[in-house]
Amino acid sequence: MEEDIDFIKANQGNISEDPYDLQEKPVRIEKKKKQLTAPDSGLQSIDTSFAIVTSQLKKEKETNKRLEEKLKKLKEKHCIQHMSLLTNTGSALSRIRRGMRMEIEELILFLTANKSDLQDQNAALAENKREMEHLQDQISSTSVQLLMKREESEAMKANINKGKQVLSNQVKLFSEKEEKDAMRAAMNEIFSKKGRGETELPDGETELPDGETELPDGYISIDDFPAHIANMHADDDYLFSVEYPTVEPQHHPTRDAARHPDNARKKNRYTNILAYDHSRVKLTEDPNVPGSDYINANYID
């Protein structure tokens, strides 16, 4: 009914909007009024359907009520059976339940014992962990000590090598000194031999300058000169082995200086004398002995 009224209102709006249907508007309104006042067959069918649905709903409610009563009776029966099973210890179900309960209790006891064992194992693991940490600390400290010992050993090794080098140098110097002493003794023995053929001078020659019978103080004879040089080499106080970087100009005679006419006069048994060592030896004349040209020991370093 309401839908028809809404439809009419909508059609009325459409009619008002349509200019060509203004003349037919009263006719249509009359027709709709007649339709509304006439008995509605649709409403009767709706009432019939509603009555049918109501009766079906009533039947469903009655069915549900019967089912609820039946379910309630089944629950009561089940409770009675359950109670009878609990009270009847000789039934198979009761025996099964008792067996299952015993197994559950055994499992609970086993799990409890295992729990205590697990707790003991956890405590042992914690103790082992503490011991491992303590051992790691000891290993770390030992590593540091070993590193320090290694450094000390390397330092001691370096000192030992240095001591070995110093000892080797001392042994070498001692050996050189022994060799020098042996050389000095040999030279002294050689030049101490007098009156032998290898040390005698030819006829007409003497170890002294012409007109001299004795050596003045501070002079060394030709025979004693090699031994004197060897002694100076062996004695470190003389610094005979020290090389000088420069030499004064007056100590630089040329290698052919002995061949010069002024220097070519006969010197004992030597016809010519070349420079021996420009930095250490110089032929000089004693101011108190005119014409002397022996090596003056004062000019030897």
C-alpha atoms as a PDB file:
ATOM      1  CA  MET A   1       0.000   0.000   0.000  1.00  0.00           C
ATOM      2  CA  GLU A   2       2.720   2.449   0.919  1.00  0.00           C
ATOM      3  CA  GLU A   3       4.635   1.475  -2.199  1.00  0.00           C
ATOM      4  CA  ASP A   4       1.643   2.328  -4.351  1.00  0.00           C
ATOM      5  CA  ILE A   5       1.314   5.694  -2.628  1.00  0.00           C
ATOM      6  CA  ASP A   6       4.955   6.431  -3.251  1.00  0.00           C
ATOM      7  CA  PHE A   7       4.560   5.380  -6.867  1.00  0.00           C
ATOM      8  CA  ILE A   8       1.607   7.727  -7.220  1.00  0.00           C
ATOM      9  CA  LYS A   9       3.537  10.603  -5.704  1.00  0.00           C
ATOM     10  CA  ALA A  10       6.415   9.955  -8.045  1.00  0.00           C
ATOM     11  CA  ASN A  11       4.063   9.836 -11.017  1.00  0.00           C
ATOM     12  CA  GLN A  12       2.443  13.032  -9.847  1.00  0.00           C
ATOM     13  CA  GLY A  13       5.841  14.705  -9.892  1.00  0.00           C
ATOM     14  CA  ASN A  14       6.513  13.421 -13.366  1.00  0.00           C
ATOM     15  CA  ILE A  15       3.091  14.595 -14.545  1.00  0.00           C
ATOM     16  CA  SER A  16       3.686  18.048 -13.114  1.00  0.00           C
ATOM     17  CA  GLU A  17       6.932  18.242 -14.924  1.00  0.00           C
ATOM     18  CA  ASP A  18       5.397  17.064 -18.274  1.00  0.00           C
ATOM     19  CA  PRO A  19       3.513  19.967 -19.998  1.00  0.00           C
ATOM     20  CA  TYR A  20       1.736  17.673 -22.463  1.00  0.00           C
ATOM     21  CA  ASP A  21      -0.122  15.681 -19.761  1.00  0.00           C
ATOM     22  CA  LEU A  22      -1.701  18.565 -17.855  1.00  0.00           C
ATOM     23  CA  GLN A  23      -5.124  17.885 -19.353  1.00  0.00           C
ATOM     24  CA  GLU A  24      -5.109  14.186 -18.390  1.00  0.00           C
ATOM     25  CA  LYS A  25      -4.024  14.789 -14.798  1.00  0.00           C
ATOM     26  CA  PRO A  26      -7.554  14.846 -13.206  1.00  0.00           C
ATOM     27  CA  VAL A  27      -8.494  11.634 -15.004  1.00  0.00           C
ATOM     28  CA  ARG A  28      -5.475   9.777 -13.760  1.00  0.00           C
ATOM     29  CA  ILE A  29      -6.016  10.985 -10.218  1.00  0.00           C
ATOM     30  CA  GLU A  30      -9.537   9.626 -10.245  1.00  0.00           C
ATOM     31  CA  LYS A  31      -8.361   6.270 -11.507  1.00  0.00           C
ATOM     32  CA  LYS A  32      -5.777   6.012  -8.750  1.00  0.00           C
ATOM     33  CA  LYS A  33      -8.324   6.909  -6.095  1.00  0.00           C
ATOM     34  CA  LYS A  34     -10.592   4.158  -7.327  1.00  0.00           C
ATOM     35  CA  GLN A  35      -7.745   1.704  -7.254  1.00  0.00           C
ATOM     36  CA  LEU A  36      -6.903   2.693  -3.676  1.00  0.00           C
ATOM     37  CA  THR A  37     -10.512   2.442  -2.475  1.00  0.00           C
ATOM     38  CA  ALA A  38     -11.028  -0.951  -4.142  1.00  0.00           C
ATOM     39  CA  PRO A  39     -10.320  -4.136  -2.024  1.00  0.00           C
ATOM     40  CA  ASP A  40      -6.608  -5.036  -2.181  1.00  0.00           C
ATOM     41  CA  SER A  41      -5.968  -8.668  -3.177  1.00  0.00           C
ATOM     42  CA  GLY A  42      -2.194  -8.276  -2.473  1.00  0.00           C
ATOM     43  CA  LEU A  43      -2.817  -7.502   1.170  1.00  0.00           C
ATOM     44  CA  GLN A  44      -4.951 -10.569   1.549  1.00  0.00           C
ATOM     45  CA  SER A  45      -2.222 -12.765   0.125  1.00  0.00           C
ATOM     46  CA  ILE A  46       0.307 -11.233   2.542  1.00  0.00           C
ATOM     47  CA  ASP A  47      -1.953 -11.946   5.511  1.00  0.00           C
ATOM     48  CA  THR A  48      -2.343 -15.527   4.388  1.00  0.00           C
ATOM     49  CA  SER A  49       1.426 -15.970   4.055  1.00  0.00           C
ATOM     50  CA  PHE A  50       1.979 -14.456   7.486  1.00  0.00           C
ATOM     51  CA  ALA A  51      -0.501 -16.876   9.047  1.00  0.00           C
ATOM     52  CA  ILE A  52       1.225 -19.824   7.413  1.00  0.00           C
ATOM     53  CA  VAL A  53       4.659 -18.699   8.612  1.00  0.00           C
ATOM     54  CA  THR A  54       3.308 -18.177  12.121  1.00  0.00           C
ATOM     55  CA  SER A  55       1.917 -21.702  12.265  1.00  0.00           C
ATOM     56  CA  GLN A  56       5.219 -23.157  10.994  1.00  0.00           C
ATOM     57  CA  LEU A  57       7.149 -21.184  13.594  1.00  0.00           C
ATOM     58  CA  LYS A  58       4.883 -22.517  16.295  1.00  0.00           C
ATOM     59  CA  LYS A  59       5.499 -26.067  15.118  1.00  0.00           C
ATOM     60  CA  GLU A  60       9.287 -25.471  15.110  1.00  0.00           C
ATOM     61  CA  LYS A  61       9.140 -24.154  18.650  1.00  0.00           C
ATOM     62  CA  GLU A  62       7.293 -27.249  19.777  1.00  0.00           C
ATOM     63  CA  THR A  63       9.850 -29.465  18.014  1.00  0.00           C
ATOM     64  CA  ASN A  64      12.754 -27.623  19.672  1.00  0.00           C
ATOM     65  CA  LYS A  65      11.085 -27.975  23.032  1.00  0.00           C
ATOM     66  CA  ARG A  66      10.743 -31.736  22.573  1.00  0.00           C
ATOM     67  CA  LEU A  67      14.402 -31.972  21.481  1.00  0.00           C
ATOM     68  CA  GLU A  68      15.531 -29.992  24.525  1.00  0.00           C
ATOM     69  CA  GLU A  69      13.628 -32.324  26.811  1.00  0.00           C
ATOM     70  CA  LYS A  70      15.159 -35.342  25.058  1.00  0.00           C
ATOM     71  CA  LEU A  71      18.677 -33.851  25.352  1.00  0.00           C
ATOM     72  CA  LYS A  72      18.125 -33.185  29.010  1.00  0.00           C
ATOM     73  CA  LYS A  73      17.102 -36.788  29.555  1.00  0.00           C
ATOM     74  CA  LEU A  74      20.210 -37.989  27.668  1.00  0.00           C
ATOM     75  CA  LYS A  75      22.449 -35.817  29.852  1.00  0.00           C
ATOM     76  CA  GLU A  76      20.866 -37.209  32.985  1.00  0.00           C
ATOM     77  CA  LYS A  77      21.329 -40.739  31.665  1.00  0.00           C
ATOM     78  CA  HIS A  78      24.970 -40.054  30.794  1.00  0.00           C
ATOM     79  CA  CYS A  79      25.633 -38.633  34.254  1.00  0.00           C
ATOM     80  CA  ILE A  80      24.049 -41.702  35.838  1.00  0.00           C
ATOM     81  CA  GLN A  81      26.208 -44.009  33.688  1.00  0.00           C
ATOM     82  CA  HIS A  82      29.334 -42.017  34.489  1.00  0.00           C
ATOM     83  CA  MET A  83      28.636 -42.216  38.198  1.00  0.00           C
ATOM     84  CA  SER A  84      28.002 -45.929  37.928  1.00  0.00           C
ATOM     85  CA  LEU A  85      31.330 -46.380  36.123  1.00  0.00           C
ATOM     86  CA  LEU A  86      33.122 -44.468  38.837  1.00  0.00           C
ATOM     87  CA  THR A  87      31.526 -46.542  41.563  1.00  0.00           C
ATOM     88  CA  ASN A  88      31.905 -49.857  39.711  1.00  0.00           C
ATOM     89  CA  THR A  89      35.635 -50.664  40.089  1.00  0.00           C
ATOM     90  CA  GLY A  90      35.352 -54.051  38.447  1.00  0.00           C
ATOM     91  CA  SER A  91      34.376 -52.780  35.035  1.00  0.00           C
ATOM     92  CA  ALA A  92      36.819 -52.724  32.108  1.00  0.00           C
ATOM     93  CA  LEU A  93      36.611 -48.955  31.776  1.00  0.00           C
ATOM     94  CA  SER A  94      37.432 -48.517  35.435  1.00  0.00           C
ATOM     95  CA  ARG A  95      40.454 -50.786  35.081  1.00  0.00           C
ATOM     96  CA  ILE A  96      41.601 -48.852  32.027  1.00  0.00           C
ATOM     97  CA  ARG A  97      41.191 -45.590  33.871  1.00  0.00           C
ATOM     98  CA  ARG A  98      43.144 -46.900  36.858  1.00  0.00           C
ATOM     99  CA  GLY A  99      45.923 -48.120  34.550  1.00  0.00           C
ATOM    100  CA  MET A 100      46.076 -44.794  32.778  1.00  0.00           C
ATOM    101  CA  ARG A 101      46.130 -42.973  36.132  1.00  0.00           C
ATOM    102  CA  MET A 102      49.029 -45.161  37.326  1.00  0.00           C
ATOM    103  CA  GLU A 103      50.953 -44.523  34.117  1.00  0.00           C
ATOM    104  CA  ILE A 104      50.351 -40.803  34.490  1.00  0.00           C
ATOM    105  CA  GLU A 105      51.604 -40.907  38.075  1.00  0.00           C
ATOM    106  CA  GLU A 106      54.704 -42.848  36.983  1.00  0.00           C
ATOM    107  CA  LEU A 107      55.324 -40.307  34.256  1.00  0.00           C
ATOM    108  CA  ILE A 108      54.966 -37.495  36.774  1.00  0.00           C
ATOM    109  CA  LEU A 109      57.470 -39.184  39.104  1.00  0.00           C
ATOM    110  CA  PHE A 110      59.856 -39.778  36.204  1.00  0.00           C
ATOM    111  CA  LEU A 111      59.587 -36.168  35.088  1.00  0.00           C
ATOM    112  CA  THR A 112      60.143 -34.977  38.658  1.00  0.00           C
ATOM    113  CA  ALA A 113      63.276 -37.128  38.972  1.00  0.00           C
ATOM    114  CA  ASN A 114      64.488 -35.945  35.584  1.00  0.00           C
ATOM    115  CA  LYS A 115      63.820 -32.381  36.654  1.00  0.00           C
ATOM    116  CA  SER A 116      66.087 -32.826  39.687  1.00  0.00           C
ATOM    117  CA  ASP A 117      68.704 -34.473  37.462  1.00  0.00           C
ATOM    118  CA  LEU A 118      68.428 -31.610  35.007  1.00  0.00           C
ATOM    119  CA  GLN A 119      68.839 -29.121  37.822  1.00  0.00           C
ATOM    120  CA  ASP A 120      71.960 -30.987  38.983  1.00  0.00           C
ATOM    121  CA  GLN A 121      73.274 -31.010  35.418  1.00  0.00           C
ATOM    122  CA  ASN A 122      72.582 -27.290  35.078  1.00  0.00           C
ATOM    123  CA  ALA A 123      74.453 -26.660  38.327  1.00  0.00           C
ATOM    124  CA  ALA A 124      77.367 -28.790  37.072  1.00  0.00           C
ATOM    125  CA  LEU A 125      77.366 -26.906  33.769  1.00  0.00           C
ATOM    126  CA  ALA A 126      77.395 -23.581  35.609  1.00  0.00           C
ATOM    127  CA  GLU A 127      80.326 -24.796  37.720  1.00  0.00           C
ATOM    128  CA  ASN A 128      82.142 -25.951  34.584  1.00  0.00           C
ATOM    129  CA  LYS A 129      81.494 -22.561  33.007  1.00  0.00           C
ATOM    130  CA  ARG A 130      82.995 -20.797  36.032  1.00  0.00           C
ATOM    131  CA  GLU A 131      86.023 -23.109  35.919  1.00  0.00           C
ATOM    132  CA  MET A 132      86.453 -22.431  32.193  1.00  0.00           C
ATOM    133  CA  GLU A 133      86.311 -18.680  32.804  1.00  0.00           C
ATOM    134  CA  HIS A 134      88.898 -19.074  35.565  1.00  0.00           C
ATOM    135  CA  LEU A 135      91.094 -21.127  33.228  1.00  0.00           C
ATOM    136  CA  GLN A 136      90.700 -18.507  30.500  1.00  0.00           C
ATOM    137  CA  ASP A 137      91.824 -15.826  32.948  1.00  0.00           C
ATOM    138  CA  GLN A 138      94.828 -17.959  33.903  1.00  0.00           C
ATOM    139  CA  ILE A 139      95.623 -18.562  30.229  1.00  0.00           C
ATOM    140  CA  SER A 140      95.428 -14.831  29.525  1.00  0.00           C
ATOM    141  CA  SER A 141      97.725 -13.997  32.451  1.00  0.00           C
ATOM    142  CA  THR A 142     100.086 -16.802  31.420  1.00  0.00           C
ATOM    143  CA  SER A 143     100.139 -15.472  27.860  1.00  0.00           C
ATOM    144  CA  VAL A 144     101.030 -12.011  29.154  1.00  0.00           C
ATOM    145  CA  GLN A 145     103.764 -13.496  31.351  1.00  0.00           C
ATOM    146  CA  LEU A 146     105.098 -15.543  28.434  1.00  0.00           C
ATOM    147  CA  LEU A 147     105.130 -12.429  26.268  1.00  0.00           C
ATOM    148  CA  MET A 148     107.036 -10.546  28.969  1.00  0.00           C
ATOM    149  CA  LYS A 149     109.425 -13.491  29.382  1.00  0.00           C
ATOM    150  CA  ARG A 150     109.900 -13.568  25.636  1.00  0.00           C
ATOM    151  CA  GLU A 151     110.781  -9.889  25.590  1.00  0.00           C
ATOM    152  CA  GLU A 152     113.167 -10.444  28.508  1.00  0.00           C
ATOM    153  CA  SER A 153     114.663 -13.441  26.702  1.00  0.00           C
ATOM    154  CA  GLU A 154     115.123 -11.380  23.556  1.00  0.00           C
ATOM    155  CA  ALA A 155     116.791  -8.644  25.601  1.00  0.00           C
ATOM    156  CA  MET A 156     119.007 -11.237  27.318  1.00  0.00           C
ATOM    157  CA  LYS A 157     119.772 -12.779  23.939  1.00  0.00           C
ATOM    158  CA  ALA A 158     120.751  -9.375  22.589  1.00  0.00           C
ATOM    159  CA  ASN A 159     122.953  -8.799  25.651  1.00  0.00           C
ATOM    160  CA  ILE A 160     124.500 -12.246  25.224  1.00  0.00           C
ATOM    161  CA  ASN A 161     125.177 -11.575  21.550  1.00  0.00           C
ATOM    162  CA  LYS A 162     126.661  -8.237  22.490  1.00  0.00           C
ATOM    163  CA  GLY A 163     128.772  -9.918  25.179  1.00  0.00           C
ATOM    164  CA  LYS A 164     129.849 -12.538  22.662  1.00  0.00           C
ATOM    165  CA  GLN A 165     130.828  -9.812  20.234  1.00  0.00           C
ATOM    166  CA  VAL A 166     132.761  -7.965  22.935  1.00  0.00           C
ATOM    167  CA  LEU A 167     134.413 -11.209  24.035  1.00  0.00           C
ATOM    168  CA  SER A 168     135.235 -12.045  20.430  1.00  0.00           C
ATOM    169  CA  ASN A 169     136.763  -8.616  19.977  1.00  0.00           C
ATOM    170  CA  GLN A 170     138.730  -9.034  23.187  1.00  0.00           C
ATOM    171  CA  VAL A 171     139.924 -12.469  22.093  1.00  0.00           C
ATOM    172  CA  LYS A 172     140.841 -11.036  18.730  1.00  0.00           C
ATOM    173  CA  LEU A 173     142.734  -8.180  20.355  1.00  0.00           C
ATOM    174  CA  PHE A 174     144.408 -10.630  22.730  1.00  0.00           C
ATOM    175  CA  SER A 175     145.393 -12.833  19.794  1.00  0.00           C
ATOM    176  CA  GLU A 176     146.702  -9.836  17.906  1.00  0.00           C
ATOM    177  CA  LYS A 177     148.604  -8.758  20.998  1.00  0.00           C
ATOM    178  CA  GLU A 178     150.084 -12.248  21.363  1.00  0.00           C
ATOM    179  CA  GLU A 179     151.056 -12.183  17.703  1.00  0.00           C
ATOM    180  CA  LYS A 180     152.631  -8.768  18.173  1.00  0.00           C
ATOM    181  CA  ASP A 181     154.455  -9.987  21.281  1.00  0.00           C
ATOM    182  CA  ALA A 182     155.674 -13.014  19.364  1.00  0.00           C
ATOM    183  CA  MET A 183     156.749 -10.783  16.490  1.00  0.00           C
ATOM    184  CA  ARG A 184     158.485  -8.454  18.918  1.00  0.00           C
ATOM    185  CA  ALA A 185     160.293 -11.362  20.556  1.00  0.00           C
ATOM    186  CA  ALA A 186     161.292 -12.718  17.157  1.00  0.00           C
ATOM    187  CA  MET A 187     162.547  -9.337  16.020  1.00  0.00           C
ATOM    188  CA  ASN A 188     164.423  -8.844  19.264  1.00  0.00           C
ATOM    189  CA  GLU A 189     165.966 -12.285  18.888  1.00  0.00           C
ATOM    190  CA  ILE A 190     166.932 -11.575  15.294  1.00  0.00           C
ATOM    191  CA  PHE A 191     168.425  -8.172  15.965  1.00  0.00           C
ATOM    192  CA  SER A 192     170.038  -9.223  19.220  1.00  0.00           C
ATOM    193  CA  LYS A 193     172.332 -11.593  17.367  1.00  0.00           C
ATOM    194  CA  LYS A 194     175.676  -9.895  17.036  1.00  0.00           C
ATOM    195  CA  GLY A 195     178.717 -11.049  15.215  1.00  0.00           C
ATOM    196  CA  ARG A 196     176.825 -13.254  12.774  1.00  0.00           C
ATOM    197  CA  GLY A 197     177.103 -13.030   9.031  1.00  0.00           C
ATOM    198  CA  GLU A 198     173.561 -11.870   8.468  1.00  0.00           C
ATOM    199  CA  THR A 199     174.001  -8.924  10.850  1.00  0.00           C
ATOM    200  CA  GLU A 200     177.597  -7.977  10.148  1.00  0.00           C
ATOM    201  CA  LEU A 201     178.310  -4.889   8.056  1.00  0.00           C
ATOM    202  CA  PRO A 202     180.573  -5.004   4.996  1.00  0.00           C
ATOM    203  CA  ASP A 203     184.112  -3.760   5.312  1.00  0.00           C
ATOM    204  CA  GLY A 204     184.407  -0.024   5.529  1.00  0.00           C
ATOM    205  CA  GLU A 205     180.795   0.519   6.766  1.00  0.00           C
ATOM    206  CA  THR A 206     179.639   1.334  10.244  1.00  0.00           C
ATOM    207  CA  GLU A 207     176.326   1.787  12.006  1.00  0.00           C
ATOM    208  CA  LEU A 208     177.318   5.245  13.125  1.00  0.00           C
ATOM    209  CA  PRO A 209     177.689   8.370  11.028  1.00  0.00           C
ATOM    210  CA  ASP A 210     181.092   9.132   9.702  1.00  0.00           C
ATOM    211  CA  GLY A 211     183.383  10.261  12.477  1.00  0.00           C
ATOM    212  CA  GLU A 212     181.043   8.987  15.236  1.00  0.00           C
ATOM    213  CA  THR A 213     181.804   6.077  17.547  1.00  0.00           C
ATOM    214  CA  GLU A 214     178.725   6.264  19.812  1.00  0.00           C
ATOM    215  CA  LEU A 215     175.092   7.132  19.218  1.00  0.00           C
ATOM    216  CA  PRO A 216     173.929  10.347  20.816  1.00  0.00           C
ATOM    217  CA  ASP A 217     170.960  10.244  23.166  1.00  0.00           C
ATOM    218  CA  GLY A 218     167.594   9.893  21.373  1.00  0.00           C
ATOM    219  CA  TYR A 219     168.974   8.148  18.278  1.00  0.00           C
ATOM    220  CA  ILE A 220     168.266   4.585  17.134  1.00  0.00           C
ATOM    221  CA  SER A 221     170.598   2.480  15.084  1.00  0.00           C
ATOM    222  CA  ILE A 222     169.539   0.922  11.812  1.00  0.00           C
ATOM    223  CA  ASP A 223     169.683  -2.569  13.287  1.00  0.00           C
ATOM    224  CA  ASP A 224     167.439  -1.631  16.204  1.00  0.00           C
ATOM    225  CA  PHE A 225     164.968   0.347  14.133  1.00  0.00           C
ATOM    226  CA  PRO A 226     162.741  -2.616  12.989  1.00  0.00           C
ATOM    227  CA  ALA A 227     162.474  -3.897  16.561  1.00  0.00           C
ATOM    228  CA  HIS A 228     161.621  -0.392  17.710  1.00  0.00           C
ATOM    229  CA  ILE A 229     158.871  -0.149  15.067  1.00  0.00           C
ATOM    230  CA  ALA A 230     157.492  -3.569  16.075  1.00  0.00           C
ATOM    231  CA  ASN A 231     157.438  -2.497  19.725  1.00  0.00           C
ATOM    232  CA  MET A 232     155.594   0.654  18.817  1.00  0.00           C
ATOM    233  CA  HIS A 233     153.038  -1.353  16.832  1.00  0.00           C
ATOM    234  CA  ALA A 234     152.482  -3.673  19.796  1.00  0.00           C
ATOM    235  CA  ASP A 235     152.191  -0.910  22.389  1.00  0.00           C
ATOM    236  CA  ASP A 236     148.866   0.919  22.174  1.00  0.00           C
ATOM    237  CA  ASP A 237     150.164   3.885  24.165  1.00  0.00           C
ATOM    238  CA  TYR A 238     152.311   4.996  21.249  1.00  0.00           C
ATOM    239  CA  LEU A 239     149.296   5.214  18.907  1.00  0.00           C
ATOM    240  CA  PHE A 240     151.587   4.116  16.159  1.00  0.00           C
ATOM    241  CA  SER A 241     148.752   2.530  14.176  1.00  0.00           C
ATOM    242  CA  VAL A 242     146.655   5.716  14.131  1.00  0.00           C
ATOM    243  CA  GLU A 243     146.259   7.145  10.659  1.00  0.00           C
ATOM    244  CA  TYR A 244     146.253  10.928  10.368  1.00  0.00           C
ATOM    245  CA  PRO A 245     143.879  12.520   7.887  1.00  0.00           C
ATOM    246  CA  THR A 246     146.315  15.313   6.918  1.00  0.00           C
ATOM    247  CA  VAL A 247     150.036  15.894   7.014  1.00  0.00           C
ATOM    248  CA  GLU A 248     151.769  19.220   7.177  1.00  0.00           C
ATOM    249  CA  PRO A 249     153.289  20.374   3.870  1.00  0.00           C
ATOM    250  CA  GLN A 250     156.881  20.111   5.102  1.00  0.00           C
ATOM    251  CA  HIS A 251     156.299  16.413   5.779  1.00  0.00           C
ATOM    252  CA  HIS A 252     155.542  15.630   2.143  1.00  0.00           C
ATOM    253  CA  PRO A 253     158.808  14.771   0.440  1.00  0.00           C
ATOM    254  CA  THR A 254     158.459  13.393  -3.047  1.00  0.00           C
ATOM    255  CA  ARG A 255     159.248   9.804  -3.841  1.00  0.00           C
ATOM    256  CA  ASP A 256     162.287  10.865  -5.886  1.00  0.00           C
ATOM    257  CA  ALA A 257     163.595  13.165  -3.176  1.00  0.00           C
ATOM    258  CA  ALA A 258     166.391  10.695  -2.422  1.00  0.00           C
ATOM    259  CA  ARG A 259     167.557  10.932  -6.022  1.00  0.00           C
ATOM    260  CA  HIS A 260     168.040  14.660  -5.746  1.00  0.00           C
ATOM    261  CA  PRO A 261     171.754  15.651  -5.913  1.00  0.00           C
ATOM    262  CA  ASP A 262     171.560  17.276  -2.486  1.00  0.00           C
ATOM    263  CA  ASN A 263     170.086  14.144  -0.941  1.00  0.00           C
ATOM    264  CA  ALA A 264     172.068  11.568  -2.905  1.00  0.00           C
ATOM    265  CA  ARG A 265     175.067  11.438  -0.610  1.00  0.00           C
ATOM    266  CA  LYS A 266     175.979   8.073   0.795  1.00  0.00           C
ATOM    267  CA  LYS A 267     174.157   7.164   3.979  1.00  0.00           C
ATOM    268  CA  ASN A 268     176.055   4.286   5.561  1.00  0.00           C
ATOM    269  CA  ARG A 269     175.398   1.205   3.430  1.00  0.00           C
ATOM    270  CA  TYR A 270     172.309   2.655   1.647  1.00  0.00           C
ATOM    271  CA  THR A 271     172.818   4.471  -1.617  1.00  0.00           C
ATOM    272  CA  ASN A 272     169.327   5.945  -1.759  1.00  0.00           C
ATOM    273  CA  ILE A 273     166.560   6.111   0.852  1.00  0.00           C
ATOM    274  CA  LEU A 274     162.957   6.549  -0.164  1.00  0.00           C
ATOM    275  CA  ALA A 275     160.414   8.052   2.199  1.00  0.00           C
ATOM    276  CA  TYR A 276     159.341   5.346   4.675  1.00  0.00           C
ATOM    277  CA  ASP A 277     156.144   6.841   6.068  1.00  0.00           C
ATOM    278  CA  HIS A 278     155.538  10.511   5.399  1.00  0.00           C
ATOM    279  CA  SER A 279     153.166  10.894   8.328  1.00  0.00           C
ATOM    280  CA  ARG A 280     155.452   9.303  10.945  1.00  0.00           C
ATOM    281  CA  VAL A 281     159.107   9.313   9.824  1.00  0.00           C
ATOM    282  CA  LYS A 282     161.261  12.187   8.699  1.00  0.00           C
ATOM    283  CA  LEU A 283     164.980  12.307   8.022  1.00  0.00           C
ATOM    284  CA  THR A 284     166.290  15.267   9.939  1.00  0.00           C
ATOM    285  CA  GLU A 285     169.591  16.710  10.993  1.00  0.00           C
ATOM    286  CA  ASP A 286     170.595  16.962  14.597  1.00  0.00           C
ATOM    287  CA  PRO A 287     171.409  20.598  15.270  1.00  0.00           C
ATOM    288  CA  ASN A 288     174.238  19.550  17.583  1.00  0.00           C
ATOM    289  CA  VAL A 289     175.709  17.161  15.006  1.00  0.00           C
ATOM    290  CA  PRO A 290     176.228  18.872  11.645  1.00  0.00           C
ATOM    291  CA  GLY A 291     175.757  16.557   8.641  1.00  0.00           C
ATOM    292  CA  SER A 292     173.746  13.949  10.587  1.00  0.00           C
ATOM    293  CA  ASP A 293     170.749  12.497   8.822  1.00  0.00           C
ATOM    294  CA  TYR A 294     169.670   9.639  11.074  1.00  0.00           C
ATOM    295  CA  ILE A 295     166.052   9.116  12.007  1.00  0.00           C
ATOM    296  CA  ASN A 296     165.265  11.032  15.119  1.00  0.00           C
ATOM    297  CA  ALA A 297     163.067   9.070  17.489  1.00  0.00           C
ATOM    298  CA  ASN A 298     161.400  12.286  18.612  1.00  0.00           C
ATOM    299  CA  TYR A 299     159.772  12.568  15.188  1.00  0.00           C
ATOM    300  CA  ILE A 300     158.135   9.165  15.424  1.00  0.00           C
ATOM    301  CA  ASP A 301     154.528   9.201  16.697  1.00  0.00           C
END
